[in-house]
Amino acid sequence: MIDELASIGSPHRHYSSTDSTNERARTLAIAGASSGTVVTATEQSAGRGRYGRSWEAPPGKALLYSAILRPPAAEHPLLSLLAALTTAEAIESAAAVRCEIKWPNDVWIEERKVAGILIESRPSQWAVVGIGINVSVEPEEFPEDLRWPAISVKRGASVQQLRLALNSTLTEWLRAPHSGALVAYRSRDALSGREVEWTRSEASAALAGTAAGIDDAGNLTLRGPDGILTVSSGEVQLRAAQSEASKG
């Protein structure tokens, strides 16, 4: 890809406390920070996930990480999927666990969410890849409404260990052929062959179908009563009966 990808994680800006690492990274990107700059924090007061959801964690018990990318890396067509793949591999390098991915980029351990990703961008200029990993958060430390399905890596993994692993795996996957990334992602696809519900937006009705894999553009395909549907955005969840069964 480009030589500067070898320096992801350098420079590294760490805050003991901030509103959001993505917000700090956005500000730096607008000011001209170089591709590969990484922002982390011990704690954040306004962490965000997809669809405006909050991301909360006790100080020092989660990796709060945002990387700045500039073109061509920022325009990688599979960037959202690569971020999830990067995160899954980083976690597995630090702990004896197996990670799967719920499309597009929720990382699961035993069908429980251990990491989330939020990508923000200014097209043709920069992208910020925000990654939050629950490292050692205890069950009772999660907000009540997140205790299921949230989970932590634990197993001796540390925040610093995971940060360094993310720097390495993100660099590797941004350099990799798209075909290899798709093969690796499909091997972790947590939804394939399962009954799911998809909503285009909060105001739209849910459509049910069977997840039929990821196409070459990184879209989710669903098999429904009217044939194959290609999903490029929106929210996908396991159907309620399967989700309840997985808790047992």
C-alpha atoms as a PDB file:
ATOM      1  CA  MET A   1       0.000   0.000   0.000  1.00  0.00           C
ATOM      2  CA  ILE A   2       2.139   2.924   1.253  1.00  0.00           C
ATOM      3  CA  ASP A   3       5.296   3.147   3.367  1.00  0.00           C
ATOM      4  CA  GLU A   4       3.701   5.288   6.072  1.00  0.00           C
ATOM      5  CA  LEU A   5       1.457   2.388   7.056  1.00  0.00           C
ATOM      6  CA  ALA A   6       4.508   0.819   8.677  1.00  0.00           C
ATOM      7  CA  SER A   7       4.350   3.574  11.309  1.00  0.00           C
ATOM      8  CA  ILE A   8       0.794   3.061  12.578  1.00  0.00           C
ATOM      9  CA  GLY A   9       0.987   3.902  16.255  1.00  0.00           C
ATOM     10  CA  SER A  10       3.671   6.535  15.799  1.00  0.00           C
ATOM     11  CA  PRO A  11       3.051   9.179  16.897  1.00  0.00           C
ATOM     12  CA  HIS A  12       0.963   7.946  19.802  1.00  0.00           C
ATOM     13  CA  ARG A  13      -1.007  10.456  21.861  1.00  0.00           C
ATOM     14  CA  HIS A  14      -2.364   9.251  25.183  1.00  0.00           C
ATOM     15  CA  TYR A  15      -4.813  11.084  27.435  1.00  0.00           C
ATOM     16  CA  SER A  16      -5.483  10.142  31.040  1.00  0.00           C
ATOM     17  CA  SER A  17      -9.020  11.405  30.489  1.00  0.00           C
ATOM     18  CA  THR A  18     -10.833  12.823  27.470  1.00  0.00           C
ATOM     19  CA  ASP A  19     -14.309  13.122  26.032  1.00  0.00           C
ATOM     20  CA  SER A  20     -13.722  10.643  23.191  1.00  0.00           C
ATOM     21  CA  THR A  21     -10.613   9.311  21.480  1.00  0.00           C
ATOM     22  CA  ASN A  22     -12.440   9.569  18.159  1.00  0.00           C
ATOM     23  CA  GLU A  23     -13.151  13.237  18.828  1.00  0.00           C
ATOM     24  CA  ARG A  24      -9.489  13.896  19.717  1.00  0.00           C
ATOM     25  CA  ALA A  25      -8.387  12.025  16.594  1.00  0.00           C
ATOM     26  CA  ARG A  26     -10.846  13.949  14.400  1.00  0.00           C
ATOM     27  CA  THR A  27      -9.463  17.232  15.726  1.00  0.00           C
ATOM     28  CA  LEU A  28      -5.912  16.083  15.038  1.00  0.00           C
ATOM     29  CA  ALA A  29      -6.817  14.865  11.556  1.00  0.00           C
ATOM     30  CA  ILE A  30      -8.424  18.201  10.675  1.00  0.00           C
ATOM     31  CA  ALA A  31      -5.269  19.938  11.925  1.00  0.00           C
ATOM     32  CA  GLY A  32      -3.129  17.796   9.600  1.00  0.00           C
ATOM     33  CA  ALA A  33      -1.914  14.921  11.799  1.00  0.00           C
ATOM     34  CA  SER A  34      -0.095  12.246   9.833  1.00  0.00           C
ATOM     35  CA  SER A  35      -1.542   8.923   8.736  1.00  0.00           C
ATOM     36  CA  GLY A  36      -0.834   6.323  11.399  1.00  0.00           C
ATOM     37  CA  THR A  37      -1.303   8.643  14.376  1.00  0.00           C
ATOM     38  CA  VAL A  38      -2.994   6.784  17.233  1.00  0.00           C
ATOM     39  CA  VAL A  39      -4.942   8.327  20.095  1.00  0.00           C
ATOM     40  CA  THR A  40      -5.713   6.394  23.286  1.00  0.00           C
ATOM     41  CA  ALA A  41      -7.142   7.257  26.693  1.00  0.00           C
ATOM     42  CA  THR A  42      -7.360   5.718  30.141  1.00  0.00           C
ATOM     43  CA  GLU A  43     -10.963   6.854  30.360  1.00  0.00           C
ATOM     44  CA  GLN A  44     -13.418   8.827  28.271  1.00  0.00           C
ATOM     45  CA  SER A  45     -16.568  10.657  29.253  1.00  0.00           C
ATOM     46  CA  ALA A  46     -18.388  10.670  25.917  1.00  0.00           C
ATOM     47  CA  GLY A  47     -17.350   7.536  24.094  1.00  0.00           C
ATOM     48  CA  ARG A  48     -19.576   6.703  21.139  1.00  0.00           C
ATOM     49  CA  GLY A  49     -20.524   3.602  19.220  1.00  0.00           C
ATOM     50  CA  ARG A  50     -22.563   3.107  16.062  1.00  0.00           C
ATOM     51  CA  TYR A  51     -25.937   4.865  15.775  1.00  0.00           C
ATOM     52  CA  GLY A  52     -25.029   7.318  18.532  1.00  0.00           C
ATOM     53  CA  ARG A  53     -24.849   4.680  21.274  1.00  0.00           C
ATOM     54  CA  SER A  54     -22.544   5.359  24.199  1.00  0.00           C
ATOM     55  CA  TRP A  55     -19.459   3.324  25.022  1.00  0.00           C
ATOM     56  CA  GLU A  56     -18.664   3.162  28.735  1.00  0.00           C
ATOM     57  CA  ALA A  57     -15.881   1.433  30.668  1.00  0.00           C
ATOM     58  CA  PRO A  58     -14.153   1.870  34.046  1.00  0.00           C
ATOM     59  CA  PRO A  59     -10.790   3.690  33.873  1.00  0.00           C
ATOM     60  CA  GLY A  60      -7.938   1.515  32.634  1.00  0.00           C
ATOM     61  CA  LYS A  61     -10.077  -1.567  31.993  1.00  0.00           C
ATOM     62  CA  ALA A  62     -10.723  -1.086  28.286  1.00  0.00           C
ATOM     63  CA  LEU A  63      -8.601  -0.193  25.295  1.00  0.00           C
ATOM     64  CA  LEU A  64      -9.921   3.105  23.905  1.00  0.00           C
ATOM     65  CA  TYR A  65      -8.145   3.488  20.582  1.00  0.00           C
ATOM     66  CA  SER A  66      -8.507   5.689  17.495  1.00  0.00           C
ATOM     67  CA  ALA A  67      -6.199   5.599  14.476  1.00  0.00           C
ATOM     68  CA  ILE A  68      -5.947   8.288  11.807  1.00  0.00           C
ATOM     69  CA  LEU A  69      -5.626   7.119   8.205  1.00  0.00           C
ATOM     70  CA  ARG A  70      -5.132   9.199   5.088  1.00  0.00           C
ATOM     71  CA  PRO A  71      -5.569   8.124   1.465  1.00  0.00           C
ATOM     72  CA  PRO A  72      -5.200   5.601   0.061  1.00  0.00           C
ATOM     73  CA  ALA A  73      -5.593   3.670   3.326  1.00  0.00           C
ATOM     74  CA  ALA A  74      -8.521   5.860   4.415  1.00  0.00           C
ATOM     75  CA  GLU A  75     -10.383   4.926   1.223  1.00  0.00           C
ATOM     76  CA  HIS A  76      -9.917   1.166   1.501  1.00  0.00           C
ATOM     77  CA  PRO A  77     -13.239  -0.318   0.281  1.00  0.00           C
ATOM     78  CA  LEU A  78     -13.265  -2.913   3.071  1.00  0.00           C
ATOM     79  CA  LEU A  79     -12.089  -0.620   5.881  1.00  0.00           C
ATOM     80  CA  SER A  80     -15.019  -1.405   8.195  1.00  0.00           C
ATOM     81  CA  LEU A  81     -14.482  -5.143   7.804  1.00  0.00           C
ATOM     82  CA  LEU A  82     -10.707  -4.796   8.113  1.00  0.00           C
ATOM     83  CA  ALA A  83     -11.094  -2.974  11.409  1.00  0.00           C
ATOM     84  CA  ALA A  84     -13.089  -5.901  12.795  1.00  0.00           C
ATOM     85  CA  LEU A  85     -10.630  -8.444  11.425  1.00  0.00           C
ATOM     86  CA  THR A  86      -7.747  -6.457  12.908  1.00  0.00           C
ATOM     87  CA  THR A  87      -9.447  -6.386  16.298  1.00  0.00           C
ATOM     88  CA  ALA A  88     -10.267 -10.093  16.319  1.00  0.00           C
ATOM     89  CA  GLU A  89      -6.678 -11.056  15.499  1.00  0.00           C
ATOM     90  CA  ALA A  90      -5.239  -8.630  18.048  1.00  0.00           C
ATOM     91  CA  ILE A  91      -7.411 -10.118  20.794  1.00  0.00           C
ATOM     92  CA  GLU A  92      -6.463 -13.670  19.850  1.00  0.00           C
ATOM     93  CA  SER A  93      -2.771 -12.742  19.910  1.00  0.00           C
ATOM     94  CA  ALA A  94      -3.168 -11.603  23.518  1.00  0.00           C
ATOM     95  CA  ALA A  95      -5.496 -14.264  24.921  1.00  0.00           C
ATOM     96  CA  ALA A  96      -6.499 -17.885  24.360  1.00  0.00           C
ATOM     97  CA  VAL A  97      -9.900 -17.091  22.847  1.00  0.00           C
ATOM     98  CA  ARG A  98     -11.669 -17.445  19.521  1.00  0.00           C
ATOM     99  CA  CYS A  99     -13.265 -14.318  18.063  1.00  0.00           C
ATOM    100  CA  GLU A 100     -16.093 -14.115  15.555  1.00  0.00           C
ATOM    101  CA  ILE A 101     -17.550 -11.045  13.842  1.00  0.00           C
ATOM    102  CA  LYS A 102     -21.173  -9.983  13.635  1.00  0.00           C
ATOM    103  CA  TRP A 103     -21.510  -7.988  10.435  1.00  0.00           C
ATOM    104  CA  PRO A 104     -20.278  -5.436   9.919  1.00  0.00           C
ATOM    105  CA  ASN A 105     -17.815  -5.014  12.762  1.00  0.00           C
ATOM    106  CA  ASP A 106     -18.947  -6.169  16.207  1.00  0.00           C
ATOM    107  CA  VAL A 107     -16.358  -8.580  17.589  1.00  0.00           C
ATOM    108  CA  TRP A 108     -17.717 -11.480  19.633  1.00  0.00           C
ATOM    109  CA  ILE A 109     -16.347 -14.011  22.081  1.00  0.00           C
ATOM    110  CA  GLU A 110     -18.844 -16.831  22.674  1.00  0.00           C
ATOM    111  CA  GLU A 111     -21.540 -14.718  20.962  1.00  0.00           C
ATOM    112  CA  ARG A 112     -21.029 -11.857  23.400  1.00  0.00           C
ATOM    113  CA  LYS A 113     -19.698  -8.457  22.347  1.00  0.00           C
ATOM    114  CA  VAL A 114     -16.109  -7.807  23.402  1.00  0.00           C
ATOM    115  CA  ALA A 115     -15.303  -4.956  21.012  1.00  0.00           C
ATOM    116  CA  GLY A 116     -17.026  -2.329  18.933  1.00  0.00           C
ATOM    117  CA  ILE A 117     -15.855  -0.121  16.094  1.00  0.00           C
ATOM    118  CA  LEU A 118     -16.823   3.331  14.894  1.00  0.00           C
ATOM    119  CA  ILE A 119     -15.343   4.747  11.688  1.00  0.00           C
ATOM    120  CA  GLU A 120     -15.712   8.436  10.887  1.00  0.00           C
ATOM    121  CA  SER A 121     -14.289  10.100   7.801  1.00  0.00           C
ATOM    122  CA  ARG A 122     -13.924  13.152   5.632  1.00  0.00           C
ATOM    123  CA  PRO A 123     -13.892  11.568   2.164  1.00  0.00           C
ATOM    124  CA  SER A 124     -10.680  11.966   0.157  1.00  0.00           C
ATOM    125  CA  GLN A 125      -8.921  13.442   3.202  1.00  0.00           C
ATOM    126  CA  TRP A 126      -8.893  11.164   6.252  1.00  0.00           C
ATOM    127  CA  ALA A 127     -10.644   8.451   8.225  1.00  0.00           C
ATOM    128  CA  VAL A 128     -10.618   7.795  11.959  1.00  0.00           C
ATOM    129  CA  VAL A 129     -10.899   4.141  12.980  1.00  0.00           C
ATOM    130  CA  GLY A 130     -12.196   4.008  16.539  1.00  0.00           C
ATOM    131  CA  ILE A 131     -11.914   0.690  18.386  1.00  0.00           C
ATOM    132  CA  GLY A 132     -13.065  -0.084  21.915  1.00  0.00           C
ATOM    133  CA  ILE A 133     -12.127  -3.392  23.531  1.00  0.00           C
ATOM    134  CA  ASN A 134     -13.353  -4.556  26.937  1.00  0.00           C
ATOM    135  CA  VAL A 135     -10.132  -5.882  28.426  1.00  0.00           C
ATOM    136  CA  SER A 136     -10.776  -6.537  32.121  1.00  0.00           C
ATOM    137  CA  VAL A 137     -14.208  -5.080  32.864  1.00  0.00           C
ATOM    138  CA  GLU A 138     -16.073  -7.156  35.450  1.00  0.00           C
ATOM    139  CA  PRO A 139     -19.695  -8.119  34.690  1.00  0.00           C
ATOM    140  CA  GLU A 140     -21.078  -5.863  37.430  1.00  0.00           C
ATOM    141  CA  GLU A 141     -19.080  -2.916  36.061  1.00  0.00           C
ATOM    142  CA  PHE A 142     -20.974  -2.850  32.767  1.00  0.00           C
ATOM    143  CA  PRO A 143     -24.067  -0.620  32.629  1.00  0.00           C
ATOM    144  CA  GLU A 144     -27.129  -2.708  33.497  1.00  0.00           C
ATOM    145  CA  ASP A 145     -28.523  -2.636  29.978  1.00  0.00           C
ATOM    146  CA  LEU A 146     -25.220  -3.960  28.573  1.00  0.00           C
ATOM    147  CA  ARG A 147     -24.455  -6.804  30.977  1.00  0.00           C
ATOM    148  CA  TRP A 148     -25.810  -9.057  28.301  1.00  0.00           C
ATOM    149  CA  PRO A 149     -24.239  -9.369  25.775  1.00  0.00           C
ATOM    150  CA  ALA A 150     -21.053  -7.570  26.910  1.00  0.00           C
ATOM    151  CA  ILE A 151     -17.939  -9.579  27.809  1.00  0.00           C
ATOM    152  CA  SER A 152     -14.253  -8.866  28.500  1.00  0.00           C
ATOM    153  CA  VAL A 153     -11.114 -10.457  27.085  1.00  0.00           C
ATOM    154  CA  LYS A 154      -9.466 -11.110  30.491  1.00  0.00           C
ATOM    155  CA  ARG A 155      -7.165 -14.206  30.497  1.00  0.00           C
ATOM    156  CA  GLY A 156      -4.181 -12.036  31.408  1.00  0.00           C
ATOM    157  CA  ALA A 157      -4.475  -9.676  28.438  1.00  0.00           C
ATOM    158  CA  SER A 158      -3.427  -6.066  29.024  1.00  0.00           C
ATOM    159  CA  VAL A 159      -4.470  -2.777  27.461  1.00  0.00           C
ATOM    160  CA  GLN A 160      -0.917  -2.056  26.295  1.00  0.00           C
ATOM    161  CA  GLN A 161      -0.533  -5.527  24.791  1.00  0.00           C
ATOM    162  CA  LEU A 162      -3.717  -5.085  22.781  1.00  0.00           C
ATOM    163  CA  ARG A 163      -2.757  -1.585  21.626  1.00  0.00           C
ATOM    164  CA  LEU A 164       0.526  -2.819  20.194  1.00  0.00           C
ATOM    165  CA  ALA A 165      -1.214  -5.793  18.600  1.00  0.00           C
ATOM    166  CA  LEU A 166      -3.765  -3.491  16.937  1.00  0.00           C
ATOM    167  CA  ASN A 167      -0.996  -1.331  15.494  1.00  0.00           C
ATOM    168  CA  SER A 168       0.579  -4.416  13.955  1.00  0.00           C
ATOM    169  CA  THR A 169      -2.527  -6.183  12.672  1.00  0.00           C
ATOM    170  CA  LEU A 170      -4.062  -3.003  11.230  1.00  0.00           C
ATOM    171  CA  THR A 171      -0.880  -2.366   9.265  1.00  0.00           C
ATOM    172  CA  GLU A 172      -0.832  -5.933   7.967  1.00  0.00           C
ATOM    173  CA  TRP A 173      -4.440  -5.983   6.799  1.00  0.00           C
ATOM    174  CA  LEU A 174      -4.262  -2.596   5.117  1.00  0.00           C
ATOM    175  CA  ARG A 175      -1.389  -3.994   3.057  1.00  0.00           C
ATOM    176  CA  ALA A 176      -3.076  -7.324   2.319  1.00  0.00           C
ATOM    177  CA  PRO A 177      -4.907  -8.213  -0.909  1.00  0.00           C
ATOM    178  CA  HIS A 178      -8.642  -7.622  -0.719  1.00  0.00           C
ATOM    179  CA  SER A 179      -9.318 -11.262  -1.578  1.00  0.00           C
ATOM    180  CA  GLY A 180      -7.321 -12.464   1.418  1.00  0.00           C
ATOM    181  CA  ALA A 181      -9.172 -10.109   3.742  1.00  0.00           C
ATOM    182  CA  LEU A 182     -12.531 -11.403   2.504  1.00  0.00           C
ATOM    183  CA  VAL A 183     -11.507 -15.025   3.024  1.00  0.00           C
ATOM    184  CA  ALA A 184     -10.324 -14.255   6.563  1.00  0.00           C
ATOM    185  CA  TYR A 185     -13.456 -12.280   7.390  1.00  0.00           C
ATOM    186  CA  ARG A 186     -15.777 -14.978   6.062  1.00  0.00           C
ATOM    187  CA  SER A 187     -14.044 -17.532   8.283  1.00  0.00           C
ATOM    188  CA  ARG A 188     -15.183 -15.473  11.288  1.00  0.00           C
ATOM    189  CA  ASP A 189     -18.685 -14.638  10.070  1.00  0.00           C
ATOM    190  CA  ALA A 190     -20.914 -15.214  13.117  1.00  0.00           C
ATOM    191  CA  LEU A 191     -24.176 -14.820  11.196  1.00  0.00           C
ATOM    192  CA  SER A 192     -23.747 -17.046   8.158  1.00  0.00           C
ATOM    193  CA  GLY A 193     -26.594 -19.560   7.833  1.00  0.00           C
ATOM    194  CA  ARG A 194     -28.483 -18.142  10.807  1.00  0.00           C
ATOM    195  CA  GLU A 195     -31.889 -16.516  11.055  1.00  0.00           C
ATOM    196  CA  VAL A 196     -31.567 -12.755  11.482  1.00  0.00           C
ATOM    197  CA  GLU A 197     -33.607  -9.574  11.454  1.00  0.00           C
ATOM    198  CA  TRP A 198     -32.495  -6.470   9.558  1.00  0.00           C
ATOM    199  CA  THR A 199     -33.680  -2.897   9.985  1.00  0.00           C
ATOM    200  CA  ARG A 200     -32.636  -0.132   7.607  1.00  0.00           C
ATOM    201  CA  SER A 201     -33.156   2.525  10.288  1.00  0.00           C
ATOM    202  CA  GLU A 202     -34.743   2.909  13.701  1.00  0.00           C
ATOM    203  CA  ALA A 203     -37.973   4.015  12.038  1.00  0.00           C
ATOM    204  CA  SER A 204     -38.232   1.085   9.614  1.00  0.00           C
ATOM    205  CA  ALA A 205     -39.832  -2.304  10.142  1.00  0.00           C
ATOM    206  CA  ALA A 206     -37.612  -5.344  10.619  1.00  0.00           C
ATOM    207  CA  LEU A 207     -37.188  -7.831   7.771  1.00  0.00           C
ATOM    208  CA  ALA A 208     -36.407 -11.452   8.568  1.00  0.00           C
ATOM    209  CA  GLY A 209     -34.184 -13.782   6.582  1.00  0.00           C
ATOM    210  CA  THR A 210     -31.236 -16.146   6.635  1.00  0.00           C
ATOM    211  CA  ALA A 211     -27.756 -14.636   6.548  1.00  0.00           C
ATOM    212  CA  ALA A 212     -26.113 -15.930   3.372  1.00  0.00           C
ATOM    213  CA  GLY A 213     -22.579 -14.605   3.734  1.00  0.00           C
ATOM    214  CA  ILE A 214     -20.550 -11.579   2.692  1.00  0.00           C
ATOM    215  CA  ASP A 215     -20.226 -10.510  -0.942  1.00  0.00           C
ATOM    216  CA  ASP A 216     -17.012  -9.243  -2.553  1.00  0.00           C
ATOM    217  CA  ALA A 217     -17.879  -5.635  -1.692  1.00  0.00           C
ATOM    218  CA  GLY A 218     -18.240  -6.484   1.994  1.00  0.00           C
ATOM    219  CA  ASN A 219     -22.041  -6.325   2.003  1.00  0.00           C
ATOM    220  CA  LEU A 220     -24.170  -8.800   3.926  1.00  0.00           C
ATOM    221  CA  THR A 221     -26.463 -10.991   1.848  1.00  0.00           C
ATOM    222  CA  LEU A 222     -29.786 -12.198   3.212  1.00  0.00           C
ATOM    223  CA  ARG A 223     -31.986 -14.944   1.809  1.00  0.00           C
ATOM    224  CA  GLY A 224     -35.645 -14.062   2.314  1.00  0.00           C
ATOM    225  CA  PRO A 225     -39.016 -15.069   0.871  1.00  0.00           C
ATOM    226  CA  ASP A 226     -38.452 -12.810  -2.152  1.00  0.00           C
ATOM    227  CA  GLY A 227     -34.917 -14.012  -2.889  1.00  0.00           C
ATOM    228  CA  ILE A 228     -31.474 -12.623  -2.063  1.00  0.00           C
ATOM    229  CA  LEU A 229     -31.233  -9.160  -0.532  1.00  0.00           C
ATOM    230  CA  THR A 230     -27.947  -7.226  -0.408  1.00  0.00           C
ATOM    231  CA  VAL A 231     -27.489  -5.188   2.768  1.00  0.00           C
ATOM    232  CA  SER A 232     -24.906  -2.402   2.818  1.00  0.00           C
ATOM    233  CA  SER A 233     -26.041  -0.582   5.958  1.00  0.00           C
ATOM    234  CA  GLY A 234     -28.487  -0.828   8.831  1.00  0.00           C
ATOM    235  CA  GLU A 235     -28.735  -3.005  11.916  1.00  0.00           C
ATOM    236  CA  VAL A 236     -28.696  -6.811  11.886  1.00  0.00           C
ATOM    237  CA  GLN A 237     -29.463  -8.995  14.880  1.00  0.00           C
ATOM    238  CA  LEU A 238     -29.968 -12.693  15.484  1.00  0.00           C
ATOM    239  CA  ARG A 239     -33.677 -13.458  15.650  1.00  0.00           C
ATOM    240  CA  ALA A 240     -34.982 -13.465  19.205  1.00  0.00           C
ATOM    241  CA  ALA A 241     -35.384 -17.247  19.532  1.00  0.00           C
ATOM    242  CA  GLN A 242     -31.735 -17.862  18.594  1.00  0.00           C
ATOM    243  CA  SER A 243     -30.479 -15.039  20.776  1.00  0.00           C
ATOM    244  CA  GLU A 244     -32.322 -16.425  23.813  1.00  0.00           C
ATOM    245  CA  ALA A 245     -31.075 -19.939  23.072  1.00  0.00           C
ATOM    246  CA  SER A 246     -27.464 -18.747  23.046  1.00  0.00           C
ATOM    247  CA  LYS A 247     -27.857 -17.455  26.612  1.00  0.00           C
ATOM    248  CA  GLY A 248     -28.723 -20.899  27.874  1.00  0.00           C
END
